[in-house]
């Protein structure tokens, strides 16, 4: 099994553990905060797309 795939599964499991007892509003805030953290970490700029997704430039 590729190491990268195992890492992705570990990250997925960690996120699921983080959000398992959260309300919908808390989950929205959790993922929104994650977007902002990624934006800052990568020194990028979030752009909201017409379909509601985001692009990081």
PDB file of N, CA and C in Angstrom:
ATOM      1  N   UNK A   1       0.836  -1.174   0.000  1.00  0.00           N
ATOM      2  CA  UNK A   1       0.000   0.000   0.000  1.00  0.00           C
ATOM      3  C   UNK A   1       0.889   1.248   0.000  1.00  0.00           C
ATOM      4  N   UNK A   2       0.621   2.193  -0.885  1.00  0.00           N
ATOM      5  CA  UNK A   2       1.428   3.415  -0.920  1.00  0.00           C
ATOM      6  C   UNK A   2       1.320   4.211   0.387  1.00  0.00           C
ATOM      7  N   UNK A   3       2.451   4.732   0.822  1.00  0.00           N
ATOM      8  CA  UNK A   3       2.495   5.500   2.074  1.00  0.00           C
ATOM      9  C   UNK A   3       1.581   6.727   2.007  1.00  0.00           C
ATOM     10  N   UNK A   4       1.543   7.394   0.857  1.00  0.00           N
ATOM     11  CA  UNK A   4       0.718   8.595   0.712  1.00  0.00           C
ATOM     12  C   UNK A   4      -0.764   8.274   0.938  1.00  0.00           C
ATOM     13  N   UNK A   5      -1.211   7.142   0.432  1.00  0.00           N
ATOM     14  CA  UNK A   5      -2.599   6.750   0.610  1.00  0.00           C
ATOM     15  C   UNK A   5      -2.904   6.484   2.080  1.00  0.00           C
ATOM     16  N   UNK A   6      -1.998   5.832   2.756  1.00  0.00           N
ATOM     17  CA  UNK A   6      -2.163   5.574   4.192  1.00  0.00           C
ATOM     18  C   UNK A   6      -2.244   6.884   4.962  1.00  0.00           C
ATOM     19  N   UNK A   7      -1.418   7.863   4.599  1.00  0.00           N
ATOM     20  CA  UNK A   7      -1.448   9.174   5.264  1.00  0.00           C
ATOM     21  C   UNK A   7      -2.789   9.865   5.058  1.00  0.00           C
ATOM     22  N   UNK A   8      -3.306   9.809   3.844  1.00  0.00           N
ATOM     23  CA  UNK A   8      -4.607  10.436   3.556  1.00  0.00           C
ATOM     24  C   UNK A   8      -5.698   9.790   4.398  1.00  0.00           C
ATOM     25  N   UNK A   9      -5.689   8.486   4.508  1.00  0.00           N
ATOM     26  CA  UNK A   9      -6.686   7.795   5.331  1.00  0.00           C
ATOM     27  C   UNK A   9      -6.550   8.192   6.797  1.00  0.00           C
ATOM     28  N   UNK A  10      -5.314   8.342   7.254  1.00  0.00           N
ATOM     29  CA  UNK A  10      -5.098   8.780   8.642  1.00  0.00           C
ATOM     30  C   UNK A  10      -5.656  10.180   8.868  1.00  0.00           C
ATOM     31  N   UNK A  11      -5.422  11.083   7.918  1.00  0.00           N
ATOM     32  CA  UNK A  11      -5.957  12.447   8.033  1.00  0.00           C
ATOM     33  C   UNK A  11      -7.483  12.425   8.028  1.00  0.00           C
ATOM     34  N   UNK A  12      -8.059  11.618   7.146  1.00  0.00           N
ATOM     35  CA  UNK A  12      -9.519  11.499   7.066  1.00  0.00           C
ATOM     36  C   UNK A  12     -10.087  10.999   8.387  1.00  0.00           C
ATOM     37  N   UNK A  13      -9.466   9.985   8.949  1.00  0.00           N
ATOM     38  CA  UNK A  13      -9.925   9.452  10.237  1.00  0.00           C
ATOM     39  C   UNK A  13      -9.804  10.496  11.346  1.00  0.00           C
ATOM     40  N   UNK A  14      -8.726  11.283  11.326  1.00  0.00           N
ATOM     41  CA  UNK A  14      -8.533  12.320  12.341  1.00  0.00           C
ATOM     42  C   UNK A  14      -9.617  13.392  12.237  1.00  0.00           C
ATOM     43  N   UNK A  15      -9.963  13.784  11.027  1.00  0.00           N
ATOM     44  CA  UNK A  15     -11.025  14.780  10.832  1.00  0.00           C
ATOM     45  C   UNK A  15     -12.359  14.202  11.303  1.00  0.00           C
ATOM     46  N   UNK A  16     -12.630  12.961  10.938  1.00  0.00           N
ATOM     47  CA  UNK A  16     -13.885  12.338  11.372  1.00  0.00           C
ATOM     48  C   UNK A  16     -13.965  12.276  12.894  1.00  0.00           C
ATOM     49  N   UNK A  17     -12.853  12.000  13.560  1.00  0.00           N
ATOM     50  CA  UNK A  17     -12.833  11.993  15.024  1.00  0.00           C
ATOM     51  C   UNK A  17     -13.097  13.393  15.574  1.00  0.00           C
ATOM     52  N   UNK A  18     -12.526  14.419  14.916  1.00  0.00           N
ATOM     53  CA  UNK A  18     -12.723  15.799  15.365  1.00  0.00           C
ATOM     54  C   UNK A  18     -14.182  16.236  15.285  1.00  0.00           C
ATOM     55  N   UNK A  19     -14.873  15.828  14.221  1.00  0.00           N
ATOM     56  CA  UNK A  19     -16.216  16.375  13.961  1.00  0.00           C
ATOM     57  C   UNK A  19     -17.368  15.455  14.366  1.00  0.00           C
ATOM     58  N   UNK A  20     -17.078  14.264  14.852  1.00  0.00           N
ATOM     59  CA  UNK A  20     -18.131  13.266  15.066  1.00  0.00           C
ATOM     60  C   UNK A  20     -19.260  13.731  15.989  1.00  0.00           C
ATOM     61  N   UNK A  21     -18.967  14.546  16.979  1.00  0.00           N
ATOM     62  CA  UNK A  21     -20.002  14.988  17.916  1.00  0.00           C
ATOM     63  C   UNK A  21     -20.416  16.446  17.711  1.00  0.00           C
ATOM     64  N   UNK A  22     -20.022  17.035  16.592  1.00  0.00           N
ATOM     65  CA  UNK A  22     -20.337  18.441  16.333  1.00  0.00           C
ATOM     66  C   UNK A  22     -21.695  18.597  15.671  1.00  0.00           C
ATOM     67  N   UNK A  23     -22.314  19.734  15.932  1.00  0.00           N
ATOM     68  CA  UNK A  23     -23.547  20.093  15.226  1.00  0.00           C
ATOM     69  C   UNK A  23     -23.176  20.544  13.810  1.00  0.00           C
ATOM     70  N   UNK A  24     -24.165  20.711  12.967  1.00  0.00           N
ATOM     71  CA  UNK A  24     -23.920  21.168  11.597  1.00  0.00           C
ATOM     72  C   UNK A  24     -23.213  22.524  11.620  1.00  0.00           C
ATOM     73  N   UNK A  25     -23.673  23.418  12.469  1.00  0.00           N
ATOM     74  CA  UNK A  25     -23.063  24.751  12.552  1.00  0.00           C
ATOM     75  C   UNK A  25     -21.593  24.668  12.974  1.00  0.00           C
ATOM     76  N   UNK A  26     -21.298  23.785  13.922  1.00  0.00           N
ATOM     77  CA  UNK A  26     -19.911  23.613  14.372  1.00  0.00           C
ATOM     78  C   UNK A  26     -19.039  23.026  13.257  1.00  0.00           C
ATOM     79  N   UNK A  27     -19.604  22.111  12.477  1.00  0.00           N
ATOM     80  CA  UNK A  27     -18.854  21.523  11.365  1.00  0.00           C
ATOM     81  C   UNK A  27     -18.560  22.573  10.303  1.00  0.00           C
ATOM     82  N   UNK A  28     -19.532  23.416  10.023  1.00  0.00           N
ATOM     83  CA  UNK A  28     -19.328  24.494   9.049  1.00  0.00           C
ATOM     84  C   UNK A  28     -18.203  25.408   9.520  1.00  0.00           C
ATOM     85  N   UNK A  29     -18.221  25.763  10.789  1.00  0.00           N
ATOM     86  CA  UNK A  29     -17.182  26.635  11.354  1.00  0.00           C
ATOM     87  C   UNK A  29     -15.814  25.925  11.316  1.00  0.00           C
ATOM     88  N   UNK A  30     -15.784  24.645  11.641  1.00  0.00           N
ATOM     89  CA  UNK A  30     -14.549  23.850  11.631  1.00  0.00           C
ATOM     90  C   UNK A  30     -13.892  23.891  10.249  1.00  0.00           C
ATOM     91  N   UNK A  31     -14.677  23.621   9.209  1.00  0.00           N
ATOM     92  CA  UNK A  31     -14.118  23.583   7.863  1.00  0.00           C
ATOM     93  C   UNK A  31     -13.807  24.983   7.344  1.00  0.00           C
ATOM     94  N   UNK A  32     -14.603  25.961   7.727  1.00  0.00           N
ATOM     95  CA  UNK A  32     -14.329  27.346   7.351  1.00  0.00           C
ATOM     96  C   UNK A  32     -13.016  27.817   7.967  1.00  0.00           C
ATOM     97  N   UNK A  33     -12.822  27.510   9.240  1.00  0.00           N
ATOM     98  CA  UNK A  33     -11.569  27.861   9.915  1.00  0.00           C
ATOM     99  C   UNK A  33     -10.380  27.166   9.244  1.00  0.00           C
ATOM    100  N   UNK A  34     -10.581  25.935   8.806  1.00  0.00           N
ATOM    101  CA  UNK A  34      -9.525  25.203   8.113  1.00  0.00           C
ATOM    102  C   UNK A  34      -9.138  25.865   6.794  1.00  0.00           C
ATOM    103  N   UNK A  35     -10.138  26.387   6.084  1.00  0.00           N
ATOM    104  CA  UNK A  35      -9.847  27.110   4.844  1.00  0.00           C
ATOM    105  C   UNK A  35      -8.996  28.343   5.112  1.00  0.00           C
ATOM    106  N   UNK A  36      -9.359  29.080   6.144  1.00  0.00           N
ATOM    107  CA  UNK A  36      -8.612  30.289   6.498  1.00  0.00           C
ATOM    108  C   UNK A  36      -7.187  29.930   6.911  1.00  0.00           C
ATOM    109  N   UNK A  37      -7.034  28.862   7.684  1.00  0.00           N
ATOM    110  CA  UNK A  37      -5.693  28.433   8.093  1.00  0.00           C
ATOM    111  C   UNK A  37      -4.845  28.044   6.878  1.00  0.00           C
ATOM    112  N   UNK A  38      -5.442  27.333   5.922  1.00  0.00           N
ATOM    113  CA  UNK A  38      -4.713  26.945   4.712  1.00  0.00           C
ATOM    114  C   UNK A  38      -4.320  28.178   3.910  1.00  0.00           C
ATOM    115  N   UNK A  39      -5.232  29.128   3.825  1.00  0.00           N
ATOM    116  CA  UNK A  39      -4.961  30.372   3.111  1.00  0.00           C
ATOM    117  C   UNK A  39      -3.741  31.086   3.720  1.00  0.00           C
ATOM    118  N   UNK A  40      -3.706  31.175   5.025  1.00  0.00           N
ATOM    119  CA  UNK A  40      -2.605  31.848   5.714  1.00  0.00           C
ATOM    120  C   UNK A  40      -1.307  31.050   5.608  1.00  0.00           C
ATOM    121  N   UNK A  41      -1.383  29.755   5.817  1.00  0.00           N
ATOM    122  CA  UNK A  41      -0.197  28.895   5.770  1.00  0.00           C
ATOM    123  C   UNK A  41       0.464  28.924   4.392  1.00  0.00           C
ATOM    124  N   UNK A  42      -0.363  28.927   3.345  1.00  0.00           N
ATOM    125  CA  UNK A  42       0.153  28.876   1.983  1.00  0.00           C
ATOM    126  C   UNK A  42       0.345  30.262   1.365  1.00  0.00           C
ATOM    127  N   UNK A  43       0.066  31.307   2.172  1.00  0.00           N
ATOM    128  CA  UNK A  43       0.199  32.694   1.701  1.00  0.00           C
ATOM    129  C   UNK A  43      -0.581  32.892   0.405  1.00  0.00           C
ATOM    130  N   UNK A  44      -1.798  32.365   0.395  1.00  0.00           N
ATOM    131  CA  UNK A  44      -2.648  32.459  -0.777  1.00  0.00           C
ATOM    132  C   UNK A  44      -3.841  33.348  -0.528  1.00  0.00           C
ATOM    133  N   UNK A  45      -4.750  33.301  -1.475  1.00  0.00           N
ATOM    134  CA  UNK A  45      -5.978  34.078  -1.380  1.00  0.00           C
ATOM    135  C   UNK A  45      -7.125  33.176  -1.809  1.00  0.00           C
ATOM    136  N   UNK A  46      -8.139  33.067  -0.956  1.00  0.00           N
ATOM    137  CA  UNK A  46      -9.309  32.249  -1.276  1.00  0.00           C
ATOM    138  C   UNK A  46     -10.243  33.021  -2.200  1.00  0.00           C
ATOM    139  N   UNK A  47     -10.680  32.352  -3.238  1.00  0.00           N
ATOM    140  CA  UNK A  47     -11.640  32.936  -4.170  1.00  0.00           C
ATOM    141  C   UNK A  47     -12.827  31.986  -4.237  1.00  0.00           C
ATOM    142  N   UNK A  48     -14.016  32.519  -3.958  1.00  0.00           N
ATOM    143  CA  UNK A  48     -15.213  31.688  -4.015  1.00  0.00           C
ATOM    144  C   UNK A  48     -15.668  31.555  -5.463  1.00  0.00           C
ATOM    145  N   UNK A  49     -15.899  30.326  -5.884  1.00  0.00           N
ATOM    146  CA  UNK A  49     -16.362  30.032  -7.235  1.00  0.00           C
ATOM    147  C   UNK A  49     -17.885  30.105  -7.295  1.00  0.00           C
ATOM    148  N   UNK A  50     -18.410  30.204  -8.502  1.00  0.00           N
ATOM    149  CA  UNK A  50     -19.863  30.311  -8.700  1.00  0.00           C
ATOM    150  C   UNK A  50     -20.617  29.120  -8.129  1.00  0.00           C
ATOM    151  N   UNK A  51     -19.979  27.948  -8.082  1.00  0.00           N
ATOM    152  CA  UNK A  51     -20.646  26.742  -7.593  1.00  0.00           C
ATOM    153  C   UNK A  51     -20.550  26.582  -6.069  1.00  0.00           C
ATOM    154  N   UNK A  52     -19.954  27.576  -5.381  1.00  0.00           N
ATOM    155  CA  UNK A  52     -19.846  27.512  -3.932  1.00  0.00           C
ATOM    156  C   UNK A  52     -18.543  26.913  -3.429  1.00  0.00           C
ATOM    157  N   UNK A  53     -17.741  26.357  -4.331  1.00  0.00           N
ATOM    158  CA  UNK A  53     -16.434  25.841  -3.941  1.00  0.00           C
ATOM    159  C   UNK A  53     -15.440  27.003  -3.882  1.00  0.00           C
ATOM    160  N   UNK A  54     -14.213  26.707  -3.498  1.00  0.00           N
ATOM    161  CA  UNK A  54     -13.192  27.743  -3.380  1.00  0.00           C
ATOM    162  C   UNK A  54     -11.947  27.359  -4.164  1.00  0.00           C
ATOM    163  N   UNK A  55     -11.259  28.374  -4.648  1.00  0.00           N
ATOM    164  CA  UNK A  55      -9.965  28.224  -5.287  1.00  0.00           C
ATOM    165  C   UNK A  55      -8.964  28.983  -4.444  1.00  0.00           C
ATOM    166  N   UNK A  56      -7.782  28.430  -4.260  1.00  0.00           N
ATOM    167  CA  UNK A  56      -6.727  29.094  -3.520  1.00  0.00           C
ATOM    168  C   UNK A  56      -5.676  29.554  -4.501  1.00  0.00           C
ATOM    169  N   UNK A  57      -5.487  30.865  -4.591  1.00  0.00           N
ATOM    170  CA  UNK A  57      -4.489  31.424  -5.518  1.00  0.00           C
ATOM    171  C   UNK A  57      -3.395  32.094  -4.760  1.00  0.00           C
TER     172      UNK A  57
END
